[in-house]
Amino acid sequence: MDFVKELEAKAAAAGKTIVLCEGEDKRVVEAASIIVKKGIAKIILLGTDAEVKAACPDVDLTGVQLVDPATDKNADKYAELLFKAREGKVNKKTGAPEYADVAAAKAYILKDRTMYGALILKAGDADGFVSGACHSTANTLRPGLQVIKTAPGIKTVSSSFIMVAPEGGNKYVPEGVCVMGDCAINIEPTAEQLADIAIASADTAKKIAGVEPRVAMLSFSTKGSGNDDKFFKSVPKVQEAVKLAQAAAPELALDGEFQFDAAVAPEVGELKAPGSKVAGHANTFIFPNINAGNIGYKICQRMGGWMAIGPICQGFAKPLNDLSRGCNVDDIVATVAVTALQAN
């Protein structure tokens, strides 16, 4: 059984309900149909009959719960939830309250389906949330930050991608799957945030990807071989993140800073970082910033033929995931499966 089929089977066994917010998008509609037919999850799809038929005229949505916020009997309940979650918050541009009353909150959620989907999750009417096929990451994550919020004890919301090797595998990743973070949320993370990202990504590697994490903190430098103290101090930042992560999770196989080849190739790891248990054998890669992370995973995906599942959000109180706007139907199906497993 390949990785994606195994993921789907585990999700099916979990029996979760996931809300998909973009019934106007052909890929999302097709994915909803596939997910329900395969039994991967129960689906709440936000949209109208007209929108869904316009997006995908011949799709069979038997078993999919189609919800139009404008006619949904739960809209008042969700408006009350939003008003209470944001009560006292002020619009920075106007200086007025974000929502003057419940009626104002309802007017807003009837226009913003990502927020509506987040409130379905907040209310416990779904176990997870997936959006972003035709909305930006900011539009998808804002409702999460405003109403779902972070899990207890978590300071940093981050993301990772599960990368699945193409047919034939890869000699440097014998498990056939690895994790890369943070490629989508934190633009220039601090050392403290990098440490949080590393620990959260290791958890994703173990619980979702099903591999024992070996975490490499990446840089253009390996164990002090490069230095940019004079200008940017990015190497010292990664070195500090290594110390913080090792102190916070001493049981975790984590090391750095490493160049990518030293992290993944045994012959280079032995040469550049002799004695390291991670060098040359890493399967969880933490990039120093979003520039490196976003470029890195997309090179892997487009030129290497790896499947990218994610971005998988880490740190929310309930499972909430963002799709890449370049996603395909298979990506959406896989992300729903991951979301279902996060809800376990």
Protein backbone atom coordinates (compact mmCIF):
# COMPACT_ATOMS: atom_id res chain seq x y z
CA MET A 1 0.00 0.00 0.00
CA ASP A 2 1.51 3.36 -1.00
CA PHE A 3 1.68 6.30 1.40
CA VAL A 4 -1.37 8.18 0.13
CA LYS A 5 -3.58 5.07 0.17
CA GLU A 6 -2.40 4.32 3.70
CA LEU A 7 -3.20 7.91 4.71
CA GLU A 8 -6.69 7.61 3.24
CA ALA A 9 -7.32 4.28 4.98
CA LYS A 10 -6.30 5.72 8.37
CA ALA A 11 -8.53 8.76 7.79
CA ALA A 12 -11.47 6.55 6.83
CA ALA A 13 -11.07 4.63 10.08
CA ALA A 14 -11.15 7.92 12.02
CA GLY A 15 -14.67 8.75 10.74
CA LYS A 16 -14.31 12.55 10.92
CA THR A 17 -16.32 15.39 9.35
CA ILE A 18 -14.38 18.06 7.43
CA VAL A 19 -15.74 21.37 6.14
CA LEU A 20 -14.62 22.51 2.66
CA CYS A 21 -15.28 26.22 2.21
CA GLU A 22 -15.02 26.69 -1.57
CA GLY A 23 -18.00 25.17 -3.37
CA GLU A 24 -17.38 27.57 -6.25
CA ASP A 25 -14.08 25.84 -7.14
CA LYS A 26 -14.21 22.88 -9.57
CA ARG A 27 -11.28 21.10 -7.89
CA VAL A 28 -12.88 21.33 -4.45
CA VAL A 29 -16.22 20.04 -5.70
CA GLU A 30 -14.57 17.09 -7.45
CA ALA A 31 -12.51 16.34 -4.34
CA ALA A 32 -15.64 16.41 -2.13
CA SER A 33 -17.25 13.78 -4.34
CA ILE A 34 -14.16 11.54 -4.29
CA ILE A 35 -13.66 11.85 -0.52
CA VAL A 36 -17.22 10.78 0.26
CA LYS A 37 -17.24 7.96 -2.29
CA LYS A 38 -13.99 6.58 -0.83
CA GLY A 39 -15.27 7.02 2.72
CA ILE A 40 -12.21 9.08 3.70
CA ALA A 41 -14.34 11.60 5.64
CA LYS A 42 -17.80 13.09 5.82
CA ILE A 43 -17.89 16.42 3.98
CA ILE A 44 -19.69 19.71 4.60
CA LEU A 45 -19.31 21.75 1.39
CA LEU A 46 -20.10 25.48 1.54
CA GLY A 47 -21.88 26.82 -1.52
CA THR A 48 -25.14 26.97 -3.41
CA ASP A 49 -26.61 24.44 -5.83
CA ALA A 50 -26.11 26.92 -8.66
CA GLU A 51 -22.45 27.53 -7.82
CA VAL A 52 -21.63 23.85 -7.54
CA LYS A 53 -23.38 22.99 -10.80
CA ALA A 54 -21.64 25.87 -12.58
CA ALA A 55 -18.26 24.74 -11.26
CA CYS A 56 -18.75 21.04 -11.98
CA PRO A 57 -21.98 20.25 -13.86
CA ASP A 58 -21.71 16.44 -13.92
CA VAL A 59 -20.40 15.77 -10.42
CA ASP A 60 -22.23 13.33 -8.15
CA LEU A 61 -22.45 14.83 -4.65
CA THR A 62 -24.49 12.04 -3.11
CA GLY A 63 -23.56 11.94 0.58
CA VAL A 64 -22.01 15.42 0.60
CA GLN A 65 -23.74 17.91 2.90
CA LEU A 66 -24.09 21.11 0.86
CA VAL A 67 -24.55 24.16 3.10
CA ASP A 68 -25.56 27.59 1.82
CA PRO A 69 -24.82 30.07 4.64
CA ALA A 70 -27.66 32.33 3.46
CA THR A 71 -30.25 29.63 4.21
CA ASP A 72 -28.46 27.69 6.95
CA LYS A 73 -30.50 27.33 10.15
CA ASN A 74 -27.24 27.56 12.16
CA ALA A 75 -26.22 30.99 10.85
CA ASP A 76 -27.52 32.83 13.93
CA LYS A 77 -25.63 30.45 16.22
CA TYR A 78 -22.39 31.03 14.30
CA ALA A 79 -22.91 34.81 14.30
CA GLU A 80 -23.27 34.72 18.09
CA LEU A 81 -20.05 32.70 18.34
CA LEU A 82 -18.14 35.24 16.23
CA PHE A 83 -19.50 38.20 18.14
CA LYS A 84 -18.46 36.68 21.48
CA ALA A 85 -15.03 35.61 20.17
CA ARG A 86 -14.26 39.15 18.93
CA GLU A 87 -16.14 41.21 21.52
CA GLY A 88 -14.00 44.16 22.57
CA LYS A 89 -11.79 44.01 19.47
CA VAL A 90 -11.43 47.28 17.57
CA ASN A 91 -11.06 47.83 13.82
CA LYS A 92 -7.61 49.42 13.49
CA LYS A 93 -8.64 51.51 10.47
CA THR A 94 -11.87 52.96 11.86
CA GLY A 95 -11.40 52.74 15.61
CA ALA A 96 -14.90 51.26 15.87
CA PRO A 97 -15.73 47.79 17.25
CA GLU A 98 -15.16 45.01 14.73
CA TYR A 99 -18.79 43.96 15.11
CA ALA A 100 -21.25 46.35 16.69
CA ASP A 101 -23.68 43.54 17.47
CA VAL A 102 -24.65 40.00 16.50
CA ALA A 103 -26.49 41.28 13.42
CA ALA A 104 -23.26 42.87 12.15
CA ALA A 105 -21.39 39.63 12.77
CA LYS A 106 -24.04 37.71 10.82
CA ALA A 107 -23.84 40.12 7.90
CA TYR A 108 -20.10 39.52 7.81
CA ILE A 109 -20.15 35.72 7.90
CA LEU A 110 -22.73 35.58 5.12
CA LYS A 111 -20.11 37.24 2.90
CA ASP A 112 -17.01 35.38 4.17
CA ARG A 113 -17.22 31.61 3.80
CA THR A 114 -13.79 30.94 5.23
CA MET A 115 -14.96 32.55 8.46
CA TYR A 116 -18.23 30.63 8.21
CA GLY A 117 -16.31 27.37 7.87
CA ALA A 118 -14.11 28.25 10.84
CA LEU A 119 -17.21 28.88 12.94
CA ILE A 120 -18.66 25.49 11.95
CA LEU A 121 -15.42 24.03 13.31
CA LYS A 122 -15.48 26.26 16.41
CA ALA A 123 -19.03 25.14 17.19
CA GLY A 124 -18.06 21.48 17.03
CA ASP A 125 -20.25 20.80 13.98
CA ALA A 126 -17.16 19.61 12.07
CA ASP A 127 -13.85 18.08 13.15
CA GLY A 128 -11.62 19.95 10.71
CA PHE A 129 -11.48 22.74 8.13
CA VAL A 130 -9.79 22.99 4.72
CA SER A 131 -9.73 26.05 2.46
CA GLY A 132 -7.34 28.02 0.23
CA ALA A 133 -7.85 26.57 -3.26
CA CYS A 134 -9.02 29.99 -4.45
CA HIS A 135 -8.20 32.14 -1.41
CA SER A 136 -4.87 33.42 -0.11
CA THR A 137 -3.15 31.91 2.90
CA ALA A 138 -3.90 35.11 4.83
CA ASN A 139 -7.62 34.85 4.06
CA THR A 140 -7.64 31.20 5.12
CA LEU A 141 -5.65 31.54 8.33
CA ARG A 142 -7.15 34.79 9.64
CA PRO A 143 -10.39 33.09 10.80
CA GLY A 144 -8.29 30.41 12.47
CA LEU A 145 -6.28 32.96 14.40
CA GLN A 146 -9.38 34.98 15.31
CA VAL A 147 -11.81 32.27 16.40
CA ILE A 148 -10.06 28.87 16.61
CA LYS A 149 -6.89 30.29 18.19
CA THR A 150 -3.82 28.35 19.29
CA ALA A 151 -3.70 25.15 21.30
CA PRO A 152 -2.88 25.49 25.02
CA GLY A 153 0.82 26.16 25.56
CA ILE A 154 1.50 26.86 21.88
CA LYS A 155 3.01 30.21 20.95
CA THR A 156 3.74 29.70 17.23
CA VAL A 157 1.33 28.72 14.48
CA SER A 158 3.39 27.23 11.68
CA SER A 159 3.14 24.96 8.68
CA SER A 160 4.83 21.97 7.13
CA PHE A 161 4.54 19.92 3.96
CA ILE A 162 4.58 16.15 3.82
CA MET A 163 6.62 15.37 0.71
CA VAL A 164 5.99 11.99 -0.92
CA ALA A 165 8.70 10.55 -3.18
CA PRO A 166 7.85 9.79 -6.82
CA GLU A 167 7.56 6.25 -8.10
CA GLY A 168 10.92 4.55 -7.73
CA GLY A 169 11.66 6.30 -4.46
CA ASN A 170 14.73 8.28 -3.51
CA LYS A 171 18.00 6.88 -2.24
CA TYR A 172 18.40 9.64 0.34
CA VAL A 173 14.92 9.18 1.86
CA PRO A 174 14.41 5.44 2.26
CA GLU A 175 11.03 5.89 3.98
CA GLY A 176 9.73 7.51 0.79
CA VAL A 177 8.34 10.46 2.72
CA CYS A 178 9.78 13.50 4.48
CA VAL A 179 8.56 16.70 6.14
CA MET A 180 9.53 20.29 5.30
CA GLY A 181 8.70 23.37 7.39
CA ASP A 182 7.93 26.23 7.59
CA CYS A 183 7.22 26.93 3.92
CA ALA A 184 4.02 28.98 4.10
CA ILE A 185 3.37 31.02 7.26
CA ASN A 186 6.30 32.52 9.20
CA ILE A 187 8.26 34.84 6.93
CA GLU A 188 11.37 35.47 9.01
CA PRO A 189 11.02 33.40 12.19
CA THR A 190 13.03 34.15 15.30
CA ALA A 191 15.24 31.51 16.90
CA GLU A 192 12.45 30.78 19.37
CA GLN A 193 9.92 30.38 16.56
CA LEU A 194 12.29 28.14 14.58
CA ALA A 195 12.61 25.90 17.62
CA ASP A 196 8.80 25.74 17.91
CA ILE A 197 8.51 24.97 14.18
CA ALA A 198 11.06 22.16 14.48
CA ILE A 199 9.26 20.49 17.38
CA ALA A 200 5.83 20.85 15.73
CA SER A 201 7.13 19.50 12.41
CA ALA A 202 8.68 16.52 14.18
CA ASP A 203 5.26 15.81 15.69
CA THR A 204 3.70 15.96 12.21
CA ALA A 205 6.39 13.60 10.91
CA LYS A 206 5.66 11.07 13.63
CA LYS A 207 1.86 11.27 13.90
CA ILE A 208 0.85 11.99 10.30
CA ALA A 209 3.75 10.97 8.03
CA GLY A 210 4.40 7.88 10.14
CA VAL A 211 8.19 8.23 10.31
CA GLU A 212 10.51 8.53 13.29
CA PRO A 213 11.67 12.15 12.94
CA ARG A 214 15.31 13.05 12.41
CA VAL A 215 15.28 16.84 12.30
CA ALA A 216 17.81 18.95 10.44
CA MET A 217 17.92 22.72 11.03
CA LEU A 218 18.97 24.05 7.63
CA SER A 219 21.30 26.88 6.63
CA PHE A 220 23.87 27.78 4.00
CA SER A 221 26.37 26.78 6.70
CA THR A 222 27.25 23.44 8.31
CA LYS A 223 28.49 23.57 11.90
CA GLY A 224 29.96 27.03 11.52
CA SER A 225 31.41 26.64 8.00
CA GLY A 226 29.66 29.84 6.89
CA ASN A 227 29.07 33.09 8.74
CA ASP A 228 27.03 36.22 8.11
CA ASP A 229 27.42 37.90 11.50
CA LYS A 230 28.35 41.22 9.93
CA PHE A 231 25.12 41.62 7.98
CA PHE A 232 22.17 39.31 8.71
CA LYS A 233 23.11 36.95 11.57
CA SER A 234 21.03 34.16 10.03
CA VAL A 235 23.57 31.46 10.89
CA PRO A 236 23.72 32.40 14.61
CA LYS A 237 19.90 32.45 14.62
CA VAL A 238 19.74 28.84 13.41
CA GLN A 239 22.46 27.82 15.86
CA GLU A 240 20.45 29.36 18.70
CA ALA A 241 17.29 27.62 17.47
CA VAL A 242 19.12 24.27 17.61
CA LYS A 243 20.03 24.87 21.28
CA LEU A 244 16.49 25.94 22.18
CA ALA A 245 14.85 22.97 20.43
CA GLN A 246 17.29 20.49 21.96
CA ALA A 247 16.61 21.92 25.41
CA ALA A 248 12.82 21.85 24.91
CA ALA A 249 12.74 18.34 23.39
CA PRO A 250 15.90 16.51 24.50
CA GLU A 251 14.48 13.15 23.37
CA LEU A 252 14.22 14.36 19.77
CA ALA A 253 16.88 13.49 17.17
CA LEU A 254 17.62 17.07 16.11
CA ASP A 255 20.82 18.75 14.99
CA GLY A 256 22.26 21.56 12.89
CA GLU A 257 23.01 23.90 11.47
CA PHE A 258 23.34 21.92 8.21
CA GLN A 259 23.52 22.63 4.52
CA PHE A 260 20.96 20.48 2.75
CA ASP A 261 23.48 18.03 1.33
CA ALA A 262 25.03 17.51 4.77
CA ALA A 263 21.56 16.85 6.16
CA VAL A 264 20.45 14.28 3.60
CA ALA A 265 23.50 12.62 2.01
CA PRO A 266 25.42 10.19 4.29
CA GLU A 267 28.73 10.72 2.51
CA VAL A 268 28.49 14.50 2.92
CA GLY A 269 27.14 14.31 6.48
CA GLU A 270 30.04 12.13 7.59
CA LEU A 271 32.50 14.56 6.02
CA LYS A 272 31.00 17.83 7.27
CA ALA A 273 29.47 16.78 10.61
CA PRO A 274 31.20 13.62 11.84
CA GLY A 275 29.54 12.08 14.87
CA SER A 276 26.11 13.61 14.27
CA LYS A 277 23.20 11.17 14.50
CA VAL A 278 21.14 13.34 12.15
CA ALA A 279 23.64 14.46 9.50
CA GLY A 280 23.19 12.47 6.30
CA HIS A 281 20.02 10.79 7.56
CA ALA A 282 17.49 13.60 8.11
CA ASN A 283 13.84 13.21 7.14
CA THR A 284 12.44 16.42 8.68
CA PHE A 285 13.90 19.65 7.30
CA ILE A 286 13.47 23.06 8.95
CA PHE A 287 14.23 26.02 6.71
CA PRO A 288 15.62 29.26 8.16
CA ASN A 289 12.89 31.41 6.58
CA ILE A 290 9.96 31.31 4.20
CA ASN A 291 12.07 32.29 1.18
CA ALA A 292 14.18 29.16 1.49
CA GLY A 293 11.26 26.96 2.50
CA ASN A 294 8.83 27.96 -0.22
CA ILE A 295 11.47 27.77 -2.94
CA GLY A 296 12.83 24.49 -1.60
CA TYR A 297 9.61 22.51 -1.46
CA LYS A 298 8.50 23.77 -4.88
CA ILE A 299 11.79 22.73 -6.49
CA CYS A 300 11.33 19.31 -4.90
CA GLN A 301 7.74 19.18 -6.18
CA ARG A 302 8.13 20.52 -9.72
CA MET A 303 11.61 19.34 -10.69
CA GLY A 304 11.89 16.29 -8.47
CA GLY A 305 8.37 14.96 -9.01
CA TRP A 306 7.55 14.73 -5.29
CA MET A 307 3.94 15.12 -4.15
CA ALA A 308 3.46 17.99 -1.71
CA ILE A 309 0.71 17.49 0.87
CA GLY A 310 -0.09 20.71 2.62
CA PRO A 311 0.62 23.23 3.88
CA ILE A 312 -0.31 21.40 7.06
CA CYS A 313 -1.02 23.92 9.80
CA GLN A 314 0.52 23.28 13.20
CA GLY A 315 -0.45 24.87 16.49
CA PHE A 316 -4.19 25.57 16.16
CA ALA A 317 -6.58 24.36 18.86
CA LYS A 318 -8.53 22.46 16.17
CA PRO A 319 -7.39 21.13 12.77
CA LEU A 320 -7.44 23.90 10.19
CA ASN A 321 -5.50 23.58 6.93
CA ASP A 322 -4.65 25.82 4.01
CA LEU A 323 -4.39 24.63 0.40
CA SER A 324 -1.98 26.02 -2.15
CA ARG A 325 -3.84 27.87 -4.90
CA GLY A 326 -1.88 25.70 -7.34
CA CYS A 327 -3.33 22.52 -5.80
CA ASN A 328 -4.97 19.74 -7.76
CA VAL A 329 -7.81 17.38 -6.80
CA ASP A 330 -5.42 14.76 -5.40
CA ASP A 331 -3.78 17.40 -3.20
CA ILE A 332 -7.16 18.37 -1.74
CA VAL A 333 -8.11 14.75 -1.05
CA ALA A 334 -4.79 14.14 0.70
CA THR A 335 -5.08 17.33 2.75
CA VAL A 336 -8.55 16.33 3.93
CA ALA A 337 -7.15 12.94 4.98
CA VAL A 338 -4.38 14.67 6.96
CA THR A 339 -6.90 17.01 8.59
CA ALA A 340 -9.02 14.03 9.65
CA LEU A 341 -5.97 12.40 11.25
CA GLN A 342 -5.06 15.61 13.09
CA ALA A 343 -8.55 15.52 14.62
CA ASN A 344 -7.91 12.07 16.10
